[in-house]
C-alpha cells in the first residue's frame, strides 16, 4: 500500500510550489 500510493498535490501557500503528504511505516 505504501508503494502504491499517489501524491495529492495542493497549494503550499508559497508561489510556484506545491505540497503533498507521503505515508510511510
PDBML (XML) file of the C-alpha atoms, coordinates in Angstrom:
<?xml version="1.0" encoding="UTF-8" ?>
<PDBx:datablock datablockName="MODEL"
   xmlns:PDBx="http://pdbml.pdb.org/schema/pdbx-v50.xsd"
   xmlns:xsi="http://www.w3.org/2001/XMLSchema-instance"
   xsi:schemaLocation="http://pdbml.pdb.org/schema/pdbx-v50.xsd pdbx-v50.xsd">
   <PDBx:atom_siteCategory>
      <PDBx:atom_site id="1">
         <PDBx:B_iso_or_equiv>0.00</PDBx:B_iso_or_equiv>
         <PDBx:Cartn_x>0.000</PDBx:Cartn_x>
         <PDBx:Cartn_y>0.000</PDBx:Cartn_y>
         <PDBx:Cartn_z>0.000</PDBx:Cartn_z>
         <PDBx:auth_asym_id>A</PDBx:auth_asym_id>
         <PDBx:auth_atom_id>CA</PDBx:auth_atom_id>
         <PDBx:auth_comp_id>UNK</PDBx:auth_comp_id>
         <PDBx:auth_seq_id>1</PDBx:auth_seq_id>
         <PDBx:group_PDB>ATOM</PDBx:group_PDB>
         <PDBx:label_alt_id xsi:nil="true" />
         <PDBx:label_asym_id>A</PDBx:label_asym_id>
         <PDBx:label_atom_id>CA</PDBx:label_atom_id>
         <PDBx:label_comp_id>UNK</PDBx:label_comp_id>
         <PDBx:label_entity_id>1</PDBx:label_entity_id>
         <PDBx:label_seq_id>1</PDBx:label_seq_id>
         <PDBx:occupancy>1.00</PDBx:occupancy>
         <PDBx:pdbx_PDB_model_num>1</PDBx:pdbx_PDB_model_num>
         <PDBx:type_symbol>C</PDBx:type_symbol>
      </PDBx:atom_site>
      <PDBx:atom_site id="2">
         <PDBx:B_iso_or_equiv>0.00</PDBx:B_iso_or_equiv>
         <PDBx:Cartn_x>2.861</PDBx:Cartn_x>
         <PDBx:Cartn_y>2.378</PDBx:Cartn_y>
         <PDBx:Cartn_z>0.655</PDBx:Cartn_z>
         <PDBx:auth_asym_id>A</PDBx:auth_asym_id>
         <PDBx:auth_atom_id>CA</PDBx:auth_atom_id>
         <PDBx:auth_comp_id>UNK</PDBx:auth_comp_id>
         <PDBx:auth_seq_id>2</PDBx:auth_seq_id>
         <PDBx:group_PDB>ATOM</PDBx:group_PDB>
         <PDBx:label_alt_id xsi:nil="true" />
         <PDBx:label_asym_id>A</PDBx:label_asym_id>
         <PDBx:label_atom_id>CA</PDBx:label_atom_id>
         <PDBx:label_comp_id>UNK</PDBx:label_comp_id>
         <PDBx:label_entity_id>1</PDBx:label_entity_id>
         <PDBx:label_seq_id>2</PDBx:label_seq_id>
         <PDBx:occupancy>1.00</PDBx:occupancy>
         <PDBx:pdbx_PDB_model_num>1</PDBx:pdbx_PDB_model_num>
         <PDBx:type_symbol>C</PDBx:type_symbol>
      </PDBx:atom_site>
      <PDBx:atom_site id="3">
         <PDBx:B_iso_or_equiv>0.00</PDBx:B_iso_or_equiv>
         <PDBx:Cartn_x>4.403</PDBx:Cartn_x>
         <PDBx:Cartn_y>1.719</PDBx:Cartn_y>
         <PDBx:Cartn_z>-2.745</PDBx:Cartn_z>
         <PDBx:auth_asym_id>A</PDBx:auth_asym_id>
         <PDBx:auth_atom_id>CA</PDBx:auth_atom_id>
         <PDBx:auth_comp_id>UNK</PDBx:auth_comp_id>
         <PDBx:auth_seq_id>3</PDBx:auth_seq_id>
         <PDBx:group_PDB>ATOM</PDBx:group_PDB>
         <PDBx:label_alt_id xsi:nil="true" />
         <PDBx:label_asym_id>A</PDBx:label_asym_id>
         <PDBx:label_atom_id>CA</PDBx:label_atom_id>
         <PDBx:label_comp_id>UNK</PDBx:label_comp_id>
         <PDBx:label_entity_id>1</PDBx:label_entity_id>
         <PDBx:label_seq_id>3</PDBx:label_seq_id>
         <PDBx:occupancy>1.00</PDBx:occupancy>
         <PDBx:pdbx_PDB_model_num>1</PDBx:pdbx_PDB_model_num>
         <PDBx:type_symbol>C</PDBx:type_symbol>
      </PDBx:atom_site>
      <PDBx:atom_site id="4">
         <PDBx:B_iso_or_equiv>0.00</PDBx:B_iso_or_equiv>
         <PDBx:Cartn_x>1.025</PDBx:Cartn_x>
         <PDBx:Cartn_y>2.005</PDBx:Cartn_y>
         <PDBx:Cartn_z>-4.461</PDBx:Cartn_z>
         <PDBx:auth_asym_id>A</PDBx:auth_asym_id>
         <PDBx:auth_atom_id>CA</PDBx:auth_atom_id>
         <PDBx:auth_comp_id>UNK</PDBx:auth_comp_id>
         <PDBx:auth_seq_id>4</PDBx:auth_seq_id>
         <PDBx:group_PDB>ATOM</PDBx:group_PDB>
         <PDBx:label_alt_id xsi:nil="true" />
         <PDBx:label_asym_id>A</PDBx:label_asym_id>
         <PDBx:label_atom_id>CA</PDBx:label_atom_id>
         <PDBx:label_comp_id>UNK</PDBx:label_comp_id>
         <PDBx:label_entity_id>1</PDBx:label_entity_id>
         <PDBx:label_seq_id>4</PDBx:label_seq_id>
         <PDBx:occupancy>1.00</PDBx:occupancy>
         <PDBx:pdbx_PDB_model_num>1</PDBx:pdbx_PDB_model_num>
         <PDBx:type_symbol>C</PDBx:type_symbol>
      </PDBx:atom_site>
      <PDBx:atom_site id="5">
         <PDBx:B_iso_or_equiv>0.00</PDBx:B_iso_or_equiv>
         <PDBx:Cartn_x>0.190</PDBx:Cartn_x>
         <PDBx:Cartn_y>5.455</PDBx:Cartn_y>
         <PDBx:Cartn_z>-3.077</PDBx:Cartn_z>
         <PDBx:auth_asym_id>A</PDBx:auth_asym_id>
         <PDBx:auth_atom_id>CA</PDBx:auth_atom_id>
         <PDBx:auth_comp_id>UNK</PDBx:auth_comp_id>
         <PDBx:auth_seq_id>5</PDBx:auth_seq_id>
         <PDBx:group_PDB>ATOM</PDBx:group_PDB>
         <PDBx:label_alt_id xsi:nil="true" />
         <PDBx:label_asym_id>A</PDBx:label_asym_id>
         <PDBx:label_atom_id>CA</PDBx:label_atom_id>
         <PDBx:label_comp_id>UNK</PDBx:label_comp_id>
         <PDBx:label_entity_id>1</PDBx:label_entity_id>
         <PDBx:label_seq_id>5</PDBx:label_seq_id>
         <PDBx:occupancy>1.00</PDBx:occupancy>
         <PDBx:pdbx_PDB_model_num>1</PDBx:pdbx_PDB_model_num>
         <PDBx:type_symbol>C</PDBx:type_symbol>
      </PDBx:atom_site>
      <PDBx:atom_site id="6">
         <PDBx:B_iso_or_equiv>0.00</PDBx:B_iso_or_equiv>
         <PDBx:Cartn_x>-0.006</PDBx:Cartn_x>
         <PDBx:Cartn_y>8.507</PDBx:Cartn_y>
         <PDBx:Cartn_z>-5.301</PDBx:Cartn_z>
         <PDBx:auth_asym_id>A</PDBx:auth_asym_id>
         <PDBx:auth_atom_id>CA</PDBx:auth_atom_id>
         <PDBx:auth_comp_id>UNK</PDBx:auth_comp_id>
         <PDBx:auth_seq_id>6</PDBx:auth_seq_id>
         <PDBx:group_PDB>ATOM</PDBx:group_PDB>
         <PDBx:label_alt_id xsi:nil="true" />
         <PDBx:label_asym_id>A</PDBx:label_asym_id>
         <PDBx:label_atom_id>CA</PDBx:label_atom_id>
         <PDBx:label_comp_id>UNK</PDBx:label_comp_id>
         <PDBx:label_entity_id>1</PDBx:label_entity_id>
         <PDBx:label_seq_id>6</PDBx:label_seq_id>
         <PDBx:occupancy>1.00</PDBx:occupancy>
         <PDBx:pdbx_PDB_model_num>1</PDBx:pdbx_PDB_model_num>
         <PDBx:type_symbol>C</PDBx:type_symbol>
      </PDBx:atom_site>
      <PDBx:atom_site id="7">
         <PDBx:B_iso_or_equiv>0.00</PDBx:B_iso_or_equiv>
         <PDBx:Cartn_x>0.527</PDBx:Cartn_x>
         <PDBx:Cartn_y>12.010</PDBx:Cartn_y>
         <PDBx:Cartn_z>-4.024</PDBx:Cartn_z>
         <PDBx:auth_asym_id>A</PDBx:auth_asym_id>
         <PDBx:auth_atom_id>CA</PDBx:auth_atom_id>
         <PDBx:auth_comp_id>UNK</PDBx:auth_comp_id>
         <PDBx:auth_seq_id>7</PDBx:auth_seq_id>
         <PDBx:group_PDB>ATOM</PDBx:group_PDB>
         <PDBx:label_alt_id xsi:nil="true" />
         <PDBx:label_asym_id>A</PDBx:label_asym_id>
         <PDBx:label_atom_id>CA</PDBx:label_atom_id>
         <PDBx:label_comp_id>UNK</PDBx:label_comp_id>
         <PDBx:label_entity_id>1</PDBx:label_entity_id>
         <PDBx:label_seq_id>7</PDBx:label_seq_id>
         <PDBx:occupancy>1.00</PDBx:occupancy>
         <PDBx:pdbx_PDB_model_num>1</PDBx:pdbx_PDB_model_num>
         <PDBx:type_symbol>C</PDBx:type_symbol>
      </PDBx:atom_site>
      <PDBx:atom_site id="8">
         <PDBx:B_iso_or_equiv>0.00</PDBx:B_iso_or_equiv>
         <PDBx:Cartn_x>-2.301</PDBx:Cartn_x>
         <PDBx:Cartn_y>14.515</PDBx:Cartn_y>
         <PDBx:Cartn_z>-3.809</PDBx:Cartn_z>
         <PDBx:auth_asym_id>A</PDBx:auth_asym_id>
         <PDBx:auth_atom_id>CA</PDBx:auth_atom_id>
         <PDBx:auth_comp_id>UNK</PDBx:auth_comp_id>
         <PDBx:auth_seq_id>8</PDBx:auth_seq_id>
         <PDBx:group_PDB>ATOM</PDBx:group_PDB>
         <PDBx:label_alt_id xsi:nil="true" />
         <PDBx:label_asym_id>A</PDBx:label_asym_id>
         <PDBx:label_atom_id>CA</PDBx:label_atom_id>
         <PDBx:label_comp_id>UNK</PDBx:label_comp_id>
         <PDBx:label_entity_id>1</PDBx:label_entity_id>
         <PDBx:label_seq_id>8</PDBx:label_seq_id>
         <PDBx:occupancy>1.00</PDBx:occupancy>
         <PDBx:pdbx_PDB_model_num>1</PDBx:pdbx_PDB_model_num>
         <PDBx:type_symbol>C</PDBx:type_symbol>
      </PDBx:atom_site>
      <PDBx:atom_site id="9">
         <PDBx:B_iso_or_equiv>0.00</PDBx:B_iso_or_equiv>
         <PDBx:Cartn_x>-0.729</PDBx:Cartn_x>
         <PDBx:Cartn_y>17.889</PDBx:Cartn_y>
         <PDBx:Cartn_z>-4.563</PDBx:Cartn_z>
         <PDBx:auth_asym_id>A</PDBx:auth_asym_id>
         <PDBx:auth_atom_id>CA</PDBx:auth_atom_id>
         <PDBx:auth_comp_id>UNK</PDBx:auth_comp_id>
         <PDBx:auth_seq_id>9</PDBx:auth_seq_id>
         <PDBx:group_PDB>ATOM</PDBx:group_PDB>
         <PDBx:label_alt_id xsi:nil="true" />
         <PDBx:label_asym_id>A</PDBx:label_asym_id>
         <PDBx:label_atom_id>CA</PDBx:label_atom_id>
         <PDBx:label_comp_id>UNK</PDBx:label_comp_id>
         <PDBx:label_entity_id>1</PDBx:label_entity_id>
         <PDBx:label_seq_id>9</PDBx:label_seq_id>
         <PDBx:occupancy>1.00</PDBx:occupancy>
         <PDBx:pdbx_PDB_model_num>1</PDBx:pdbx_PDB_model_num>
         <PDBx:type_symbol>C</PDBx:type_symbol>
      </PDBx:atom_site>
      <PDBx:atom_site id="10">
         <PDBx:B_iso_or_equiv>0.00</PDBx:B_iso_or_equiv>
         <PDBx:Cartn_x>-2.056</PDBx:Cartn_x>
         <PDBx:Cartn_y>21.123</PDBx:Cartn_y>
         <PDBx:Cartn_z>-3.097</PDBx:Cartn_z>
         <PDBx:auth_asym_id>A</PDBx:auth_asym_id>
         <PDBx:auth_atom_id>CA</PDBx:auth_atom_id>
         <PDBx:auth_comp_id>UNK</PDBx:auth_comp_id>
         <PDBx:auth_seq_id>10</PDBx:auth_seq_id>
         <PDBx:group_PDB>ATOM</PDBx:group_PDB>
         <PDBx:label_alt_id xsi:nil="true" />
         <PDBx:label_asym_id>A</PDBx:label_asym_id>
         <PDBx:label_atom_id>CA</PDBx:label_atom_id>
         <PDBx:label_comp_id>UNK</PDBx:label_comp_id>
         <PDBx:label_entity_id>1</PDBx:label_entity_id>
         <PDBx:label_seq_id>10</PDBx:label_seq_id>
         <PDBx:occupancy>1.00</PDBx:occupancy>
         <PDBx:pdbx_PDB_model_num>1</PDBx:pdbx_PDB_model_num>
         <PDBx:type_symbol>C</PDBx:type_symbol>
      </PDBx:atom_site>
      <PDBx:atom_site id="11">
         <PDBx:B_iso_or_equiv>0.00</PDBx:B_iso_or_equiv>
         <PDBx:Cartn_x>-1.067</PDBx:Cartn_x>
         <PDBx:Cartn_y>24.761</PDBx:Cartn_y>
         <PDBx:Cartn_z>-2.945</PDBx:Cartn_z>
         <PDBx:auth_asym_id>A</PDBx:auth_asym_id>
         <PDBx:auth_atom_id>CA</PDBx:auth_atom_id>
         <PDBx:auth_comp_id>UNK</PDBx:auth_comp_id>
         <PDBx:auth_seq_id>11</PDBx:auth_seq_id>
         <PDBx:group_PDB>ATOM</PDBx:group_PDB>
         <PDBx:label_alt_id xsi:nil="true" />
         <PDBx:label_asym_id>A</PDBx:label_asym_id>
         <PDBx:label_atom_id>CA</PDBx:label_atom_id>
         <PDBx:label_comp_id>UNK</PDBx:label_comp_id>
         <PDBx:label_entity_id>1</PDBx:label_entity_id>
         <PDBx:label_seq_id>11</PDBx:label_seq_id>
         <PDBx:occupancy>1.00</PDBx:occupancy>
         <PDBx:pdbx_PDB_model_num>1</PDBx:pdbx_PDB_model_num>
         <PDBx:type_symbol>C</PDBx:type_symbol>
      </PDBx:atom_site>
      <PDBx:atom_site id="12">
         <PDBx:B_iso_or_equiv>0.00</PDBx:B_iso_or_equiv>
         <PDBx:Cartn_x>1.783</PDBx:Cartn_x>
         <PDBx:Cartn_y>25.334</PDBx:Cartn_y>
         <PDBx:Cartn_z>-0.466</PDBx:Cartn_z>
         <PDBx:auth_asym_id>A</PDBx:auth_asym_id>
         <PDBx:auth_atom_id>CA</PDBx:auth_atom_id>
         <PDBx:auth_comp_id>UNK</PDBx:auth_comp_id>
         <PDBx:auth_seq_id>12</PDBx:auth_seq_id>
         <PDBx:group_PDB>ATOM</PDBx:group_PDB>
         <PDBx:label_alt_id xsi:nil="true" />
         <PDBx:label_asym_id>A</PDBx:label_asym_id>
         <PDBx:label_atom_id>CA</PDBx:label_atom_id>
         <PDBx:label_comp_id>UNK</PDBx:label_comp_id>
         <PDBx:label_entity_id>1</PDBx:label_entity_id>
         <PDBx:label_seq_id>12</PDBx:label_seq_id>
         <PDBx:occupancy>1.00</PDBx:occupancy>
         <PDBx:pdbx_PDB_model_num>1</PDBx:pdbx_PDB_model_num>
         <PDBx:type_symbol>C</PDBx:type_symbol>
      </PDBx:atom_site>
      <PDBx:atom_site id="13">
         <PDBx:B_iso_or_equiv>0.00</PDBx:B_iso_or_equiv>
         <PDBx:Cartn_x>0.968</PDBx:Cartn_x>
         <PDBx:Cartn_y>28.966</PDBx:Cartn_y>
         <PDBx:Cartn_z>0.144</PDBx:Cartn_z>
         <PDBx:auth_asym_id>A</PDBx:auth_asym_id>
         <PDBx:auth_atom_id>CA</PDBx:auth_atom_id>
         <PDBx:auth_comp_id>UNK</PDBx:auth_comp_id>
         <PDBx:auth_seq_id>13</PDBx:auth_seq_id>
         <PDBx:group_PDB>ATOM</PDBx:group_PDB>
         <PDBx:label_alt_id xsi:nil="true" />
         <PDBx:label_asym_id>A</PDBx:label_asym_id>
         <PDBx:label_atom_id>CA</PDBx:label_atom_id>
         <PDBx:label_comp_id>UNK</PDBx:label_comp_id>
         <PDBx:label_entity_id>1</PDBx:label_entity_id>
         <PDBx:label_seq_id>13</PDBx:label_seq_id>
         <PDBx:occupancy>1.00</PDBx:occupancy>
         <PDBx:pdbx_PDB_model_num>1</PDBx:pdbx_PDB_model_num>
         <PDBx:type_symbol>C</PDBx:type_symbol>
      </PDBx:atom_site>
      <PDBx:atom_site id="14">
         <PDBx:B_iso_or_equiv>0.00</PDBx:B_iso_or_equiv>
         <PDBx:Cartn_x>4.313</PDBx:Cartn_x>
         <PDBx:Cartn_y>29.768</PDBx:Cartn_y>
         <PDBx:Cartn_z>-1.461</PDBx:Cartn_z>
         <PDBx:auth_asym_id>A</PDBx:auth_asym_id>
         <PDBx:auth_atom_id>CA</PDBx:auth_atom_id>
         <PDBx:auth_comp_id>UNK</PDBx:auth_comp_id>
         <PDBx:auth_seq_id>14</PDBx:auth_seq_id>
         <PDBx:group_PDB>ATOM</PDBx:group_PDB>
         <PDBx:label_alt_id xsi:nil="true" />
         <PDBx:label_asym_id>A</PDBx:label_asym_id>
         <PDBx:label_atom_id>CA</PDBx:label_atom_id>
         <PDBx:label_comp_id>UNK</PDBx:label_comp_id>
         <PDBx:label_entity_id>1</PDBx:label_entity_id>
         <PDBx:label_seq_id>14</PDBx:label_seq_id>
         <PDBx:occupancy>1.00</PDBx:occupancy>
         <PDBx:pdbx_PDB_model_num>1</PDBx:pdbx_PDB_model_num>
         <PDBx:type_symbol>C</PDBx:type_symbol>
      </PDBx:atom_site>
      <PDBx:atom_site id="15">
         <PDBx:B_iso_or_equiv>0.00</PDBx:B_iso_or_equiv>
         <PDBx:Cartn_x>4.046</PDBx:Cartn_x>
         <PDBx:Cartn_y>30.895</PDBx:Cartn_y>
         <PDBx:Cartn_z>-5.091</PDBx:Cartn_z>
         <PDBx:auth_asym_id>A</PDBx:auth_asym_id>
         <PDBx:auth_atom_id>CA</PDBx:auth_atom_id>
         <PDBx:auth_comp_id>UNK</PDBx:auth_comp_id>
         <PDBx:auth_seq_id>15</PDBx:auth_seq_id>
         <PDBx:group_PDB>ATOM</PDBx:group_PDB>
         <PDBx:label_alt_id xsi:nil="true" />
         <PDBx:label_asym_id>A</PDBx:label_asym_id>
         <PDBx:label_atom_id>CA</PDBx:label_atom_id>
         <PDBx:label_comp_id>UNK</PDBx:label_comp_id>
         <PDBx:label_entity_id>1</PDBx:label_entity_id>
         <PDBx:label_seq_id>15</PDBx:label_seq_id>
         <PDBx:occupancy>1.00</PDBx:occupancy>
         <PDBx:pdbx_PDB_model_num>1</PDBx:pdbx_PDB_model_num>
         <PDBx:type_symbol>C</PDBx:type_symbol>
      </PDBx:atom_site>
      <PDBx:atom_site id="16">
         <PDBx:B_iso_or_equiv>0.00</PDBx:B_iso_or_equiv>
         <PDBx:Cartn_x>5.500</PDBx:Cartn_x>
         <PDBx:Cartn_y>28.385</PDBx:Cartn_y>
         <PDBx:Cartn_z>-7.525</PDBx:Cartn_z>
         <PDBx:auth_asym_id>A</PDBx:auth_asym_id>
         <PDBx:auth_atom_id>CA</PDBx:auth_atom_id>
         <PDBx:auth_comp_id>UNK</PDBx:auth_comp_id>
         <PDBx:auth_seq_id>16</PDBx:auth_seq_id>
         <PDBx:group_PDB>ATOM</PDBx:group_PDB>
         <PDBx:label_alt_id xsi:nil="true" />
         <PDBx:label_asym_id>A</PDBx:label_asym_id>
         <PDBx:label_atom_id>CA</PDBx:label_atom_id>
         <PDBx:label_comp_id>UNK</PDBx:label_comp_id>
         <PDBx:label_entity_id>1</PDBx:label_entity_id>
         <PDBx:label_seq_id>16</PDBx:label_seq_id>
         <PDBx:occupancy>1.00</PDBx:occupancy>
         <PDBx:pdbx_PDB_model_num>1</PDBx:pdbx_PDB_model_num>
         <PDBx:type_symbol>C</PDBx:type_symbol>
      </PDBx:atom_site>
      <PDBx:atom_site id="17">
         <PDBx:B_iso_or_equiv>0.00</PDBx:B_iso_or_equiv>
         <PDBx:Cartn_x>5.437</PDBx:Cartn_x>
         <PDBx:Cartn_y>25.384</PDBx:Cartn_y>
         <PDBx:Cartn_z>-5.161</PDBx:Cartn_z>
         <PDBx:auth_asym_id>A</PDBx:auth_asym_id>
         <PDBx:auth_atom_id>CA</PDBx:auth_atom_id>
         <PDBx:auth_comp_id>UNK</PDBx:auth_comp_id>
         <PDBx:auth_seq_id>17</PDBx:auth_seq_id>
         <PDBx:group_PDB>ATOM</PDBx:group_PDB>
         <PDBx:label_alt_id xsi:nil="true" />
         <PDBx:label_asym_id>A</PDBx:label_asym_id>
         <PDBx:label_atom_id>CA</PDBx:label_atom_id>
         <PDBx:label_comp_id>UNK</PDBx:label_comp_id>
         <PDBx:label_entity_id>1</PDBx:label_entity_id>
         <PDBx:label_seq_id>17</PDBx:label_seq_id>
         <PDBx:occupancy>1.00</PDBx:occupancy>
         <PDBx:pdbx_PDB_model_num>1</PDBx:pdbx_PDB_model_num>
         <PDBx:type_symbol>C</PDBx:type_symbol>
      </PDBx:atom_site>
      <PDBx:atom_site id="18">
         <PDBx:B_iso_or_equiv>0.00</PDBx:B_iso_or_equiv>
         <PDBx:Cartn_x>3.065</PDBx:Cartn_x>
         <PDBx:Cartn_y>22.517</PDBx:Cartn_y>
         <PDBx:Cartn_z>-4.458</PDBx:Cartn_z>
         <PDBx:auth_asym_id>A</PDBx:auth_asym_id>
         <PDBx:auth_atom_id>CA</PDBx:auth_atom_id>
         <PDBx:auth_comp_id>UNK</PDBx:auth_comp_id>
         <PDBx:auth_seq_id>18</PDBx:auth_seq_id>
         <PDBx:group_PDB>ATOM</PDBx:group_PDB>
         <PDBx:label_alt_id xsi:nil="true" />
         <PDBx:label_asym_id>A</PDBx:label_asym_id>
         <PDBx:label_atom_id>CA</PDBx:label_atom_id>
         <PDBx:label_comp_id>UNK</PDBx:label_comp_id>
         <PDBx:label_entity_id>1</PDBx:label_entity_id>
         <PDBx:label_seq_id>18</PDBx:label_seq_id>
         <PDBx:occupancy>1.00</PDBx:occupancy>
         <PDBx:pdbx_PDB_model_num>1</PDBx:pdbx_PDB_model_num>
         <PDBx:type_symbol>C</PDBx:type_symbol>
      </PDBx:atom_site>
      <PDBx:atom_site id="19">
         <PDBx:B_iso_or_equiv>0.00</PDBx:B_iso_or_equiv>
         <PDBx:Cartn_x>2.921</PDBx:Cartn_x>
         <PDBx:Cartn_y>20.371</PDBx:Cartn_y>
         <PDBx:Cartn_z>-1.325</PDBx:Cartn_z>
         <PDBx:auth_asym_id>A</PDBx:auth_asym_id>
         <PDBx:auth_atom_id>CA</PDBx:auth_atom_id>
         <PDBx:auth_comp_id>UNK</PDBx:auth_comp_id>
         <PDBx:auth_seq_id>19</PDBx:auth_seq_id>
         <PDBx:group_PDB>ATOM</PDBx:group_PDB>
         <PDBx:label_alt_id xsi:nil="true" />
         <PDBx:label_asym_id>A</PDBx:label_asym_id>
         <PDBx:label_atom_id>CA</PDBx:label_atom_id>
         <PDBx:label_comp_id>UNK</PDBx:label_comp_id>
         <PDBx:label_entity_id>1</PDBx:label_entity_id>
         <PDBx:label_seq_id>19</PDBx:label_seq_id>
         <PDBx:occupancy>1.00</PDBx:occupancy>
         <PDBx:pdbx_PDB_model_num>1</PDBx:pdbx_PDB_model_num>
         <PDBx:type_symbol>C</PDBx:type_symbol>
      </PDBx:atom_site>
      <PDBx:atom_site id="20">
         <PDBx:B_iso_or_equiv>0.00</PDBx:B_iso_or_equiv>
         <PDBx:Cartn_x>1.795</PDBx:Cartn_x>
         <PDBx:Cartn_y>16.836</PDBx:Cartn_y>
         <PDBx:Cartn_z>-0.532</PDBx:Cartn_z>
         <PDBx:auth_asym_id>A</PDBx:auth_asym_id>
         <PDBx:auth_atom_id>CA</PDBx:auth_atom_id>
         <PDBx:auth_comp_id>UNK</PDBx:auth_comp_id>
         <PDBx:auth_seq_id>20</PDBx:auth_seq_id>
         <PDBx:group_PDB>ATOM</PDBx:group_PDB>
         <PDBx:label_alt_id xsi:nil="true" />
         <PDBx:label_asym_id>A</PDBx:label_asym_id>
         <PDBx:label_atom_id>CA</PDBx:label_atom_id>
         <PDBx:label_comp_id>UNK</PDBx:label_comp_id>
         <PDBx:label_entity_id>1</PDBx:label_entity_id>
         <PDBx:label_seq_id>20</PDBx:label_seq_id>
         <PDBx:occupancy>1.00</PDBx:occupancy>
         <PDBx:pdbx_PDB_model_num>1</PDBx:pdbx_PDB_model_num>
         <PDBx:type_symbol>C</PDBx:type_symbol>
      </PDBx:atom_site>
      <PDBx:atom_site id="21">
         <PDBx:B_iso_or_equiv>0.00</PDBx:B_iso_or_equiv>
         <PDBx:Cartn_x>1.956</PDBx:Cartn_x>
         <PDBx:Cartn_y>14.196</PDBx:Cartn_y>
         <PDBx:Cartn_z>2.192</PDBx:Cartn_z>
         <PDBx:auth_asym_id>A</PDBx:auth_asym_id>
         <PDBx:auth_atom_id>CA</PDBx:auth_atom_id>
         <PDBx:auth_comp_id>UNK</PDBx:auth_comp_id>
         <PDBx:auth_seq_id>21</PDBx:auth_seq_id>
         <PDBx:group_PDB>ATOM</PDBx:group_PDB>
         <PDBx:label_alt_id xsi:nil="true" />
         <PDBx:label_asym_id>A</PDBx:label_asym_id>
         <PDBx:label_atom_id>CA</PDBx:label_atom_id>
         <PDBx:label_comp_id>UNK</PDBx:label_comp_id>
         <PDBx:label_entity_id>1</PDBx:label_entity_id>
         <PDBx:label_seq_id>21</PDBx:label_seq_id>
         <PDBx:occupancy>1.00</PDBx:occupancy>
         <PDBx:pdbx_PDB_model_num>1</PDBx:pdbx_PDB_model_num>
         <PDBx:type_symbol>C</PDBx:type_symbol>
      </PDBx:atom_site>
      <PDBx:atom_site id="22">
         <PDBx:B_iso_or_equiv>0.00</PDBx:B_iso_or_equiv>
         <PDBx:Cartn_x>3.738</PDBx:Cartn_x>
         <PDBx:Cartn_y>10.861</PDBx:Cartn_y>
         <PDBx:Cartn_z>1.847</PDBx:Cartn_z>
         <PDBx:auth_asym_id>A</PDBx:auth_asym_id>
         <PDBx:auth_atom_id>CA</PDBx:auth_atom_id>
         <PDBx:auth_comp_id>UNK</PDBx:auth_comp_id>
         <PDBx:auth_seq_id>22</PDBx:auth_seq_id>
         <PDBx:group_PDB>ATOM</PDBx:group_PDB>
         <PDBx:label_alt_id xsi:nil="true" />
         <PDBx:label_asym_id>A</PDBx:label_asym_id>
         <PDBx:label_atom_id>CA</PDBx:label_atom_id>
         <PDBx:label_comp_id>UNK</PDBx:label_comp_id>
         <PDBx:label_entity_id>1</PDBx:label_entity_id>
         <PDBx:label_seq_id>22</PDBx:label_seq_id>
         <PDBx:occupancy>1.00</PDBx:occupancy>
         <PDBx:pdbx_PDB_model_num>1</PDBx:pdbx_PDB_model_num>
         <PDBx:type_symbol>C</PDBx:type_symbol>
      </PDBx:atom_site>
      <PDBx:atom_site id="23">
         <PDBx:B_iso_or_equiv>0.00</PDBx:B_iso_or_equiv>
         <PDBx:Cartn_x>2.794</PDBx:Cartn_x>
         <PDBx:Cartn_y>7.950</PDBx:Cartn_y>
         <PDBx:Cartn_z>4.110</PDBx:Cartn_z>
         <PDBx:auth_asym_id>A</PDBx:auth_asym_id>
         <PDBx:auth_atom_id>CA</PDBx:auth_atom_id>
         <PDBx:auth_comp_id>UNK</PDBx:auth_comp_id>
         <PDBx:auth_seq_id>23</PDBx:auth_seq_id>
         <PDBx:group_PDB>ATOM</PDBx:group_PDB>
         <PDBx:label_alt_id xsi:nil="true" />
         <PDBx:label_asym_id>A</PDBx:label_asym_id>
         <PDBx:label_atom_id>CA</PDBx:label_atom_id>
         <PDBx:label_comp_id>UNK</PDBx:label_comp_id>
         <PDBx:label_entity_id>1</PDBx:label_entity_id>
         <PDBx:label_seq_id>23</PDBx:label_seq_id>
         <PDBx:occupancy>1.00</PDBx:occupancy>
         <PDBx:pdbx_PDB_model_num>1</PDBx:pdbx_PDB_model_num>
         <PDBx:type_symbol>C</PDBx:type_symbol>
      </PDBx:atom_site>
      <PDBx:atom_site id="24">
         <PDBx:B_iso_or_equiv>0.00</PDBx:B_iso_or_equiv>
         <PDBx:Cartn_x>5.477</PDBx:Cartn_x>
         <PDBx:Cartn_y>5.583</PDBx:Cartn_y>
         <PDBx:Cartn_z>5.402</PDBx:Cartn_z>
         <PDBx:auth_asym_id>A</PDBx:auth_asym_id>
         <PDBx:auth_atom_id>CA</PDBx:auth_atom_id>
         <PDBx:auth_comp_id>UNK</PDBx:auth_comp_id>
         <PDBx:auth_seq_id>24</PDBx:auth_seq_id>
         <PDBx:group_PDB>ATOM</PDBx:group_PDB>
         <PDBx:label_alt_id xsi:nil="true" />
         <PDBx:label_asym_id>A</PDBx:label_asym_id>
         <PDBx:label_atom_id>CA</PDBx:label_atom_id>
         <PDBx:label_comp_id>UNK</PDBx:label_comp_id>
         <PDBx:label_entity_id>1</PDBx:label_entity_id>
         <PDBx:label_seq_id>24</PDBx:label_seq_id>
         <PDBx:occupancy>1.00</PDBx:occupancy>
         <PDBx:pdbx_PDB_model_num>1</PDBx:pdbx_PDB_model_num>
         <PDBx:type_symbol>C</PDBx:type_symbol>
      </PDBx:atom_site>
      <PDBx:atom_site id="25">
         <PDBx:B_iso_or_equiv>0.00</PDBx:B_iso_or_equiv>
         <PDBx:Cartn_x>5.679</PDBx:Cartn_x>
         <PDBx:Cartn_y>2.885</PDBx:Cartn_y>
         <PDBx:Cartn_z>8.067</PDBx:Cartn_z>
         <PDBx:auth_asym_id>A</PDBx:auth_asym_id>
         <PDBx:auth_atom_id>CA</PDBx:auth_atom_id>
         <PDBx:auth_comp_id>UNK</PDBx:auth_comp_id>
         <PDBx:auth_seq_id>25</PDBx:auth_seq_id>
         <PDBx:group_PDB>ATOM</PDBx:group_PDB>
         <PDBx:label_alt_id xsi:nil="true" />
         <PDBx:label_asym_id>A</PDBx:label_asym_id>
         <PDBx:label_atom_id>CA</PDBx:label_atom_id>
         <PDBx:label_comp_id>UNK</PDBx:label_comp_id>
         <PDBx:label_entity_id>1</PDBx:label_entity_id>
         <PDBx:label_seq_id>25</PDBx:label_seq_id>
         <PDBx:occupancy>1.00</PDBx:occupancy>
         <PDBx:pdbx_PDB_model_num>1</PDBx:pdbx_PDB_model_num>
         <PDBx:type_symbol>C</PDBx:type_symbol>
      </PDBx:atom_site>
   </PDBx:atom_siteCategory>
</PDBx:datablock>
